[in-house]
């Protein structure tokens, strides 16, 4: 367990203006900015920005949740270790639930325009002296979860030729989302050959929204278009006192071992858990009745944040619709992003030779 005094110092440092990363098992710090009216959360490590991950979360999540919840922390930590800059946006146009709009919904074009302005403002600020962090076009990896995946899947086409040579979309990752190209397993539109390399993370237990059939439909359409694409299925996870303690500690939440054991026993009595396996959908079981068992003597963050992290851990263990990640995804995305960037450079050089 990380000493709590050190943790408190890290929380205090998070209020500063610059960003840095911290070791595995602790929350990731970020800088909050207001860019073109959009709440933006940024983490940049290293002396230059060559690759940037642009993040869009699902409903009932904001930009800062990428840096504060267990599954997202693990994901971002791996990205940051690979020198990938991270920027997350909170939806500036929503109906109170922070869901990102679909292409056929009101505010979609307005939201894409605001995000475009915010991204350009961020990239432009990173080019300014005395120590510019951007010296060439930045490769953008778009990551969308649930409704964020539907929204972000349209950005490669919308942003094409609009980023003023500051950046280009070189990869796309959809997490538990059918994207905007598929609805109820039906392909609505064939992606073009210029669609970026795409990763698809899904949970086979989901048979309605981002079902395996829906994912396979979109994956097949990408392959047909000649686009590099790969899908990863996420299986349920074990939930024990040890795994729950470890997951909460990732988010900086420290719970007494005895309290966790009592909570696990309560989940078993409720019929949610059996021998380390979540056997019912946590969204349908009143597990919050037992949360008070964890609150006594707990350290780290607010009660609301603790409960949200706990909710994610339970949903991820059940594995139907929750953010999660395969260990291979980051490296696959980075490889494809780099390859796409090189292809764009070669094409630009080729056109320059022809024009001259």
Protein backbone atom coordinates (compact mmCIF):
# COMPACT_ATOMS: atom_id res chain seq x y z
CA UNK A 1 0.00 0.00 0.00
CA UNK A 2 1.25 3.50 -0.87
CA UNK A 3 1.88 5.64 2.25
CA UNK A 4 -1.05 7.98 2.71
CA UNK A 5 1.17 10.98 3.44
CA UNK A 6 2.72 10.62 0.00
CA UNK A 7 -0.72 10.31 -1.56
CA UNK A 8 -1.88 13.57 0.05
CA UNK A 9 1.17 15.36 -1.31
CA UNK A 10 0.33 14.09 -4.79
CA UNK A 11 -3.23 15.36 -4.52
CA UNK A 12 -1.90 18.77 -3.51
CA UNK A 13 0.51 18.82 -6.44
CA UNK A 14 -2.38 18.09 -8.79
CA UNK A 15 -3.50 21.66 -8.25
CA UNK A 16 -0.39 22.97 -9.99
CA UNK A 17 -0.23 24.16 -13.57
CA UNK A 18 2.06 21.56 -15.12
CA UNK A 19 1.52 17.85 -15.44
CA UNK A 20 3.54 14.77 -14.70
CA UNK A 21 2.90 11.08 -14.30
CA UNK A 22 3.11 8.92 -11.22
CA UNK A 23 3.76 5.26 -10.66
CA UNK A 24 1.34 2.40 -11.19
CA UNK A 25 -1.26 2.06 -8.47
CA UNK A 26 -1.93 5.78 -8.05
CA UNK A 27 -4.24 8.23 -9.84
CA UNK A 28 -2.94 10.09 -12.86
CA UNK A 29 -2.64 13.82 -12.52
CA UNK A 30 -3.95 16.23 -15.12
CA UNK A 31 -4.26 19.91 -15.85
CA UNK A 32 -7.75 21.28 -16.36
CA UNK A 33 -8.21 23.96 -19.01
CA UNK A 34 -11.17 25.76 -20.53
CA UNK A 35 -10.58 25.77 -24.28
CA UNK A 36 -13.17 27.46 -26.47
CA UNK A 37 -15.73 26.83 -23.75
CA UNK A 38 -14.90 23.12 -23.49
CA UNK A 39 -13.69 21.57 -20.23
CA UNK A 40 -10.43 19.92 -21.19
CA UNK A 41 -8.16 17.68 -19.13
CA UNK A 42 -4.55 17.17 -20.21
CA UNK A 43 -1.53 15.12 -19.22
CA UNK A 44 1.72 15.66 -21.11
CA UNK A 45 5.00 13.98 -20.24
CA UNK A 46 8.25 14.25 -22.13
CA UNK A 47 9.88 17.09 -23.97
CA UNK A 48 7.77 16.92 -27.12
CA UNK A 49 4.35 15.75 -28.30
CA UNK A 50 4.38 13.40 -31.27
CA UNK A 51 1.33 11.27 -30.48
CA UNK A 52 -1.77 12.43 -28.63
CA UNK A 53 -4.68 10.33 -27.41
CA UNK A 54 -7.99 12.21 -27.58
CA UNK A 55 -10.58 10.73 -25.23
CA UNK A 56 -14.40 10.71 -25.27
CA UNK A 57 -16.08 8.87 -22.41
CA UNK A 58 -19.57 7.41 -22.26
CA UNK A 59 -22.75 8.63 -20.60
CA UNK A 60 -22.61 9.81 -16.99
CA UNK A 61 -18.86 10.39 -17.29
CA UNK A 62 -16.86 13.57 -17.75
CA UNK A 63 -13.37 14.22 -19.03
CA UNK A 64 -11.76 14.02 -15.61
CA UNK A 65 -13.13 10.49 -15.05
CA UNK A 66 -10.45 9.16 -17.41
CA UNK A 67 -7.88 10.12 -14.79
CA UNK A 68 -9.75 9.00 -11.67
CA UNK A 69 -11.40 5.59 -12.22
CA UNK A 70 -9.50 2.28 -11.93
CA UNK A 71 -9.82 0.80 -15.42
CA UNK A 72 -9.13 4.14 -17.10
CA UNK A 73 -6.10 4.82 -14.89
CA UNK A 74 -4.49 1.52 -15.89
CA UNK A 75 -5.19 2.26 -19.56
CA UNK A 76 -3.82 5.80 -19.48
CA UNK A 77 -0.79 4.83 -17.43
CA UNK A 78 0.27 2.44 -20.20
CA UNK A 79 -0.24 5.17 -22.79
CA UNK A 80 1.74 7.74 -20.84
CA UNK A 81 4.62 5.31 -20.32
CA UNK A 82 4.83 5.19 -24.11
CA UNK A 83 5.16 8.99 -24.31
CA UNK A 84 1.63 9.49 -25.56
CA UNK A 85 0.09 12.82 -24.56
CA UNK A 86 -3.45 12.56 -23.24
CA UNK A 87 -6.36 14.97 -23.64
CA UNK A 88 -9.93 14.30 -22.51
CA UNK A 89 -12.99 16.42 -23.19
CA UNK A 90 -16.26 16.79 -21.32
CA UNK A 91 -19.21 17.00 -23.69
CA UNK A 92 -20.08 20.73 -23.92
CA UNK A 93 -23.55 20.01 -25.30
CA UNK A 94 -25.66 17.44 -23.47
CA UNK A 95 -28.96 16.93 -21.68
CA UNK A 96 -27.57 16.47 -18.20
CA UNK A 97 -26.19 12.94 -18.64
CA UNK A 98 -22.98 13.89 -20.51
CA UNK A 99 -23.79 11.48 -23.36
CA UNK A 100 -22.10 12.38 -26.64
CA UNK A 101 -24.61 13.03 -29.44
CA UNK A 102 -25.07 10.71 -32.39
CA UNK A 103 -24.73 12.15 -35.92
CA UNK A 104 -28.51 12.38 -36.31
CA UNK A 105 -29.05 14.15 -32.99
CA UNK A 106 -29.36 17.80 -32.13
CA UNK A 107 -26.10 19.53 -31.14
CA UNK A 108 -23.93 16.99 -32.99
CA UNK A 109 -22.43 19.47 -35.45
CA UNK A 110 -22.17 22.15 -32.79
CA UNK A 111 -20.33 19.74 -30.49
CA UNK A 112 -17.89 18.68 -33.23
CA UNK A 113 -17.21 22.34 -34.03
CA UNK A 114 -16.52 23.22 -30.38
CA UNK A 115 -14.22 20.23 -29.99
CA UNK A 116 -12.39 21.20 -33.18
CA UNK A 117 -11.79 24.71 -31.85
CA UNK A 118 -10.66 23.40 -28.46
CA UNK A 119 -8.21 20.96 -30.02
CA UNK A 120 -6.73 23.62 -32.32
CA UNK A 121 -6.36 25.97 -29.36
CA UNK A 122 -4.52 23.28 -27.39
CA UNK A 123 -2.22 22.34 -30.28
CA UNK A 124 -1.45 25.99 -31.00
CA UNK A 125 -0.55 26.61 -27.34
CA UNK A 126 1.86 23.67 -27.41
CA UNK A 127 3.75 25.24 -30.31
CA UNK A 128 4.49 28.50 -28.54
CA UNK A 129 7.95 29.44 -27.21
CA UNK A 130 10.01 29.51 -25.10
CA UNK A 131 9.78 25.72 -25.11
CA UNK A 132 7.43 24.47 -27.81
CA UNK A 133 6.25 20.89 -27.27
CA UNK A 134 4.91 20.47 -30.80
CA UNK A 135 7.41 20.83 -33.63
CA UNK A 136 5.66 18.74 -36.30
CA UNK A 137 2.23 17.33 -37.10
CA UNK A 138 0.83 15.40 -34.12
CA UNK A 139 -0.61 11.92 -34.63
CA UNK A 140 -4.05 11.69 -33.03
CA UNK A 141 -5.44 8.45 -31.63
CA UNK A 142 -9.16 8.93 -31.01
CA UNK A 143 -10.64 6.83 -28.20
CA UNK A 144 -14.39 6.67 -27.66
CA UNK A 145 -16.26 4.64 -25.05
CA UNK A 146 -19.96 3.81 -25.49
CA UNK A 147 -21.65 7.03 -26.72
CA UNK A 148 -18.17 8.52 -27.04
CA UNK A 149 -17.35 5.80 -29.57
CA UNK A 150 -20.40 6.69 -31.66
CA UNK A 151 -19.44 10.37 -31.59
CA UNK A 152 -15.71 9.94 -32.19
CA UNK A 153 -16.19 7.54 -35.09
CA UNK A 154 -17.34 10.49 -37.23
CA UNK A 155 -14.46 12.80 -36.35
CA UNK A 156 -11.85 11.39 -38.77
CA UNK A 157 -13.99 12.50 -41.71
CA UNK A 158 -15.15 15.77 -40.14
CA UNK A 159 -11.66 16.84 -39.05
CA UNK A 160 -9.92 15.79 -42.24
CA UNK A 161 -8.16 18.82 -43.75
CA UNK A 162 -9.33 21.02 -40.85
CA UNK A 163 -6.44 20.66 -38.43
CA UNK A 164 -4.19 23.17 -40.21
CA UNK A 165 -1.23 20.78 -40.53
CA UNK A 166 -1.02 20.72 -36.74
CA UNK A 167 -2.31 17.16 -36.46
CA UNK A 168 -3.91 14.23 -38.27
CA UNK A 169 -6.07 11.35 -37.09
CA UNK A 170 -3.95 8.21 -37.40
CA UNK A 171 -5.94 5.64 -35.37
CA UNK A 172 -9.32 5.08 -33.74
CA UNK A 173 -10.31 2.92 -30.77
CA UNK A 174 -13.92 2.10 -29.94
CA UNK A 175 -14.67 0.60 -26.52
CA UNK A 176 -18.03 -1.15 -25.88
CA UNK A 177 -19.58 0.85 -28.70
CA UNK A 178 -21.09 -0.15 -32.07
CA UNK A 179 -19.80 3.18 -33.50
CA UNK A 180 -22.03 5.32 -35.70
CA UNK A 181 -21.64 2.91 -38.62
CA UNK A 182 -23.68 0.07 -37.11
CA UNK A 183 -27.07 -0.04 -35.42
CA UNK A 184 -28.62 -3.27 -34.14
CA UNK A 185 -26.07 -5.31 -36.10
CA UNK A 186 -27.01 -3.55 -39.37
CA UNK A 187 -24.32 -1.66 -41.29
CA UNK A 188 -25.63 1.87 -41.86
CA UNK A 189 -22.73 3.08 -43.96
CA UNK A 190 -19.62 1.52 -45.44
CA UNK A 191 -16.44 3.17 -44.07
CA UNK A 192 -14.07 4.44 -46.73
CA UNK A 193 -10.55 3.28 -47.46
CA UNK A 194 -9.26 6.47 -45.81
CA UNK A 195 -10.77 5.56 -42.43
CA UNK A 196 -7.94 5.28 -39.86
CA UNK A 197 -6.72 1.94 -38.45
CA UNK A 198 -9.31 0.84 -35.91
CA UNK A 199 -9.38 -1.16 -32.71
CA UNK A 200 -12.63 -2.50 -31.27
CA UNK A 201 -12.95 -3.60 -27.64
CA UNK A 202 -16.20 -5.33 -26.72
CA UNK A 203 -17.82 -7.64 -24.17
CA UNK A 204 -19.52 -10.75 -25.59
CA UNK A 205 -22.04 -10.70 -22.74
CA UNK A 206 -23.56 -7.56 -24.35
CA UNK A 207 -26.18 -8.83 -26.79
CA UNK A 208 -27.95 -5.55 -27.56
CA UNK A 209 -25.90 -2.33 -27.83
CA UNK A 210 -22.32 -3.28 -28.75
CA UNK A 211 -22.94 -6.96 -29.37
CA UNK A 212 -20.41 -9.35 -30.82
CA UNK A 213 -22.45 -9.46 -34.02
CA UNK A 214 -22.42 -5.65 -34.28
CA UNK A 215 -18.66 -5.57 -33.75
CA UNK A 216 -18.10 -8.28 -36.34
CA UNK A 217 -20.25 -6.35 -38.81
CA UNK A 218 -18.16 -3.21 -38.48
CA UNK A 219 -14.90 -5.18 -38.41
CA UNK A 220 -15.85 -6.91 -41.66
CA UNK A 221 -16.73 -3.59 -43.32
CA UNK A 222 -13.34 -2.15 -42.35
CA UNK A 223 -11.48 -5.16 -43.75
CA UNK A 224 -13.54 -4.89 -46.93
CA UNK A 225 -12.41 -1.27 -47.26
CA UNK A 226 -8.79 -2.30 -46.78
CA UNK A 227 -8.52 -0.65 -43.34
CA UNK A 228 -6.31 -2.25 -40.68
CA UNK A 229 -8.65 -3.33 -37.90
CA UNK A 230 -8.70 -5.72 -34.95
CA UNK A 231 -11.19 -6.65 -32.22
CA UNK A 232 -10.60 -7.76 -28.64
CA UNK A 233 -13.23 -9.53 -26.52
CA UNK A 234 -13.17 -8.90 -22.77
CA UNK A 235 -14.16 -11.77 -20.49
CA UNK A 236 -15.56 -11.47 -16.96
CA UNK A 237 -13.06 -11.02 -14.14
CA UNK A 238 -12.75 -12.58 -10.71
CA UNK A 239 -13.93 -10.46 -7.80
CA UNK A 240 -12.38 -11.27 -4.44
CA UNK A 241 -11.38 -9.20 -1.44
CA UNK A 242 -7.84 -9.05 -2.83
CA UNK A 243 -8.82 -7.95 -6.35
CA UNK A 244 -11.27 -5.37 -4.99
CA UNK A 245 -8.63 -3.86 -2.69
CA UNK A 246 -6.14 -3.71 -5.56
CA UNK A 247 -8.62 -2.03 -7.92
CA UNK A 248 -9.64 0.62 -5.41
CA UNK A 249 -6.01 1.36 -4.54
CA UNK A 250 -5.37 2.11 -8.21
CA UNK A 251 -7.79 5.01 -7.77
CA UNK A 252 -6.12 6.09 -4.53
CA UNK A 253 -8.83 4.60 -2.32
CA UNK A 254 -7.58 2.65 0.67
CA UNK A 255 -10.04 0.37 2.43
CA UNK A 256 -9.46 -1.79 5.49
CA UNK A 257 -9.08 -5.48 4.72
CA UNK A 258 -11.72 -6.54 7.25
CA UNK A 259 -14.24 -4.08 5.80
CA UNK A 260 -13.69 -5.41 2.30
CA UNK A 261 -14.12 -8.98 3.46
CA UNK A 262 -17.45 -8.08 5.09
CA UNK A 263 -18.53 -6.33 1.89
CA UNK A 264 -17.69 -9.42 -0.18
CA UNK A 265 -19.70 -11.56 2.21
CA UNK A 266 -22.63 -9.17 1.88
CA UNK A 267 -22.47 -9.40 -1.94
CA UNK A 268 -22.58 -13.17 -1.61
CA UNK A 269 -25.64 -12.96 0.64
CA UNK A 270 -27.34 -10.68 -1.91
CA UNK A 271 -26.84 -13.30 -4.61
CA UNK A 272 -24.45 -11.14 -6.66
CA UNK A 273 -21.28 -13.10 -5.96
CA UNK A 274 -20.35 -16.76 -5.63
CA UNK A 275 -16.82 -18.10 -5.16
CA UNK A 276 -15.23 -15.01 -6.69
CA UNK A 277 -17.55 -14.90 -9.70
CA UNK A 278 -20.16 -12.19 -10.29
CA UNK A 279 -23.24 -14.24 -11.21
CA UNK A 280 -25.81 -11.47 -11.73
CA UNK A 281 -25.79 -8.07 -13.43
CA UNK A 282 -24.74 -5.58 -10.69
CA UNK A 283 -27.09 -3.00 -12.20
CA UNK A 284 -30.01 -5.23 -11.16
CA UNK A 285 -28.85 -6.08 -7.65
CA UNK A 286 -29.17 -3.58 -4.72
CA UNK A 287 -25.49 -3.91 -3.77
CA UNK A 288 -25.42 -0.30 -2.51
CA UNK A 289 -27.15 -1.50 0.62
CA UNK A 290 -23.82 -3.00 1.66
CA UNK A 291 -21.61 -0.01 0.78
CA UNK A 292 -21.71 1.33 4.32
CA UNK A 293 -19.51 -1.63 5.30
CA UNK A 294 -16.68 -0.08 3.24
CA UNK A 295 -17.10 3.53 4.31
CA UNK A 296 -15.87 3.08 7.88
CA UNK A 297 -12.21 4.04 8.12
CA UNK A 298 -11.77 4.47 4.37
CA UNK A 299 -9.10 6.88 3.11
CA UNK A 300 -8.95 8.75 -0.18
CA UNK A 301 -11.44 10.81 -2.22
CA UNK A 302 -15.09 11.56 -1.62
CA UNK A 303 -17.81 9.05 -0.85
CA UNK A 304 -19.38 9.64 -4.27
CA UNK A 305 -16.08 8.95 -6.04
CA UNK A 306 -15.53 5.77 -4.02
CA UNK A 307 -18.96 4.49 -4.95
CA UNK A 308 -18.45 5.28 -8.64
CA UNK A 309 -15.16 3.40 -8.67
CA UNK A 310 -16.79 0.50 -6.85
CA UNK A 311 -19.59 0.47 -9.41
CA UNK A 312 -17.04 0.25 -12.22
CA UNK A 313 -15.18 -2.63 -10.56
CA UNK A 314 -18.41 -4.62 -10.17
CA UNK A 315 -19.56 -3.92 -13.73
CA UNK A 316 -16.16 -4.79 -15.16
CA UNK A 317 -16.17 -8.10 -13.27
CA UNK A 318 -19.60 -8.88 -14.76
CA UNK A 319 -18.37 -7.69 -18.20
CA UNK A 320 -21.45 -6.60 -20.10
CA UNK A 321 -21.08 -2.85 -20.60
CA UNK A 322 -18.20 -1.14 -18.85
CA UNK A 323 -14.87 0.39 -19.78
CA UNK A 324 -12.07 -2.15 -19.91
CA UNK A 325 -8.99 -2.91 -21.95
CA UNK A 326 -6.91 -5.74 -23.34
CA UNK A 327 -3.19 -5.47 -22.55
CA UNK A 328 -2.28 -5.61 -26.26
CA UNK A 329 -4.43 -2.70 -27.43
CA UNK A 330 -2.10 0.22 -26.68
CA UNK A 331 0.87 -1.23 -28.54
CA UNK A 332 -1.29 -2.25 -31.51
CA UNK A 333 -2.75 1.25 -31.74
CA UNK A 334 0.64 2.92 -31.46
CA UNK A 335 2.11 0.67 -34.16
CA UNK A 336 -0.79 1.37 -36.52
CA UNK A 337 -0.72 5.10 -35.71
CA UNK A 338 3.00 5.35 -36.51
CA UNK A 339 2.54 3.38 -39.73
CA UNK A 340 -0.33 5.62 -40.80
CA UNK A 341 1.73 8.75 -40.07
CA UNK A 342 4.58 7.44 -42.23
CA UNK A 343 2.18 6.65 -45.06
CA UNK A 344 0.86 10.22 -44.92
CA UNK A 345 4.39 11.61 -45.05
CA UNK A 346 5.25 9.44 -48.04
CA UNK A 347 2.08 10.50 -49.85
CA UNK A 348 2.79 14.16 -49.13
CA UNK A 349 6.35 13.78 -50.44
CA UNK A 350 5.05 11.99 -53.54
CA UNK A 351 2.54 14.76 -54.30
CA UNK A 352 5.22 17.41 -53.77
CA UNK A 353 7.49 15.73 -56.33
CA UNK A 354 4.65 15.51 -58.85
CA UNK A 355 3.65 19.13 -58.30
CA UNK A 356 7.21 20.34 -58.79
